[in-house]
């Protein structure tokens, strides 16, 4: 009823708004606004609408552009058998499905606690960004799709590191009985296939989730960018619905998360370009629905010209007038848990950090929103219609010297858009940290300026001392060991700028590749030009070049 009331207001009570570019309005030569422009029926501010979901998808892509690709994709499903739920239903003769409000509240508490584990307690290490979407199953239980963007020092560049975080195998019952029971209860798919051909996942006699998986001895990444987790052939099995199931039916999970939250938590590694757009579109696809139409078929022999003309006119009117509210409501299904979630005003989308929309357009191409009953001459003559965020940014560059040092994409860090005044104003507290009147882009740099972090003096002294007697190869190996152990807080200051030569960086990159890492994993370090590392990608060339020059010189 609440959502229906909001839609009824949007459809009947709100002002009839239209949208058109300023250039087209100026050249229209019309004064009646009701016959020009596109109608706005379901704005992006309406939660769950098509424009809303598209906006969330674009926000996710903007975060991806700023911080890189997500590293982990986690799906968390509510467990109706959580002890907290039964504690609330004790002595009331009720089932969990009878109290969707309790399920919604508890799942929200669990999700908030999980996000705190990722952000504050750094469960997987440092976090750059988090995106999650709440969806609801047909049976009513809520579940969350979470994308984690890890910091450079917390990523999993090798298969061995992925195996430490994600497992797709049944644990040994004798070694860890608790984990064995949790995997058996929450992380087993099926049984499906020949053992259960009527399973919901079966499509054309095949599992739509591609189970059972193949036995794999080592974790790898396939050609499409999807991980293939280690599933060794072992004697560990579980029995489900009278069928013995092995590692081929295990859904990937993290053992510590599974033990702590005791529900279905699917953890997937996803740091590949090929799966990013599919991933973001999947978590912002909106509610499922089925559209069906009933019509009366007619033959051309039974249609007279008058009826045919009326039908064509109706089809033309249907094409020009689209009821977005009706399209949203058609086949809309809301479960009891989703209704409770929306009544409590819980967010169905979460994104960190926040995204500021910065429009750009050609000259006089900004979109103008006006009332259905407005006079187009008054709309065009209004001086504020030419004052968009993009044009005012250009004007601000003409008068402010500091603004000219900023790109448009970084402008909102130091300036705020005042919508009523239609102008940019300098922020009193810009994004970032201020120490002694100087603005630092990161809190890490600010902490160094205040002396709250180590200044790496002991490591600099050790490198300077070793430089008096050690060889260049030893110094590079020593520097790589400091990088891999995260001992140095600011590796970019170890060598002055005039001493950072590309050939030195290429040797450091070569040593890091031997440890399964790369210079790009350390944000403070400069990158190596492509022409210096092209040979490093060829293992044959590297082996041919890895000879001892001293021994070779003596033999000659």
Foldseek 3Di string as FASTA:
>chain_A
DVLVVVLVCLAPPDFFKFKDFLVCLVPVPAFQLLVDGHTDRDDLVDPQAPNVLVVQLVQVVVLCVVQNFFFKKKKFWQDQPPVVQVVVCPPVPDGSLVCLLVLLVVVVVVVVVVVCCCDVVVVQHHFDKKKKFWDADPVGIIMMIMTTHHALLRHDLDQVSVCLFKDLFQDDCVVPVVLNVLQLVAFFDDPDAPVNPPPPQHDPSAGVVRPQDDADCTWDADPLQFIDHHFHDDPDWDADPNDTDGSSGGAMDGSVVCVVNSHHMHMGTRNDPNCRSVSSCVRSVGDDFDDDDDDDDDDPVPDDPVNVVVVVVVVVVCVRDDNSSVVSPVRDDDDPNNVSNVVVVPDRIDIPPDDDDDDDDPQSGDMDMDGSRGTSVVRSPPVLSNLANHVQLVVCVVPDVVSVVDDPRCNCQQWDQDVVVSHIDGDPDGAADADPNDGDNHVLVVCVVVVNDDPCPVVLVVLVVCVVPPDPLVSLVVLLVCVSVVVDPQSLPSDDPVPDDLLSQLSNQLVVVVVSHGPVSPVNDDHHDPVSCVQSVDVVSVVVPPDDVVVVVVVD
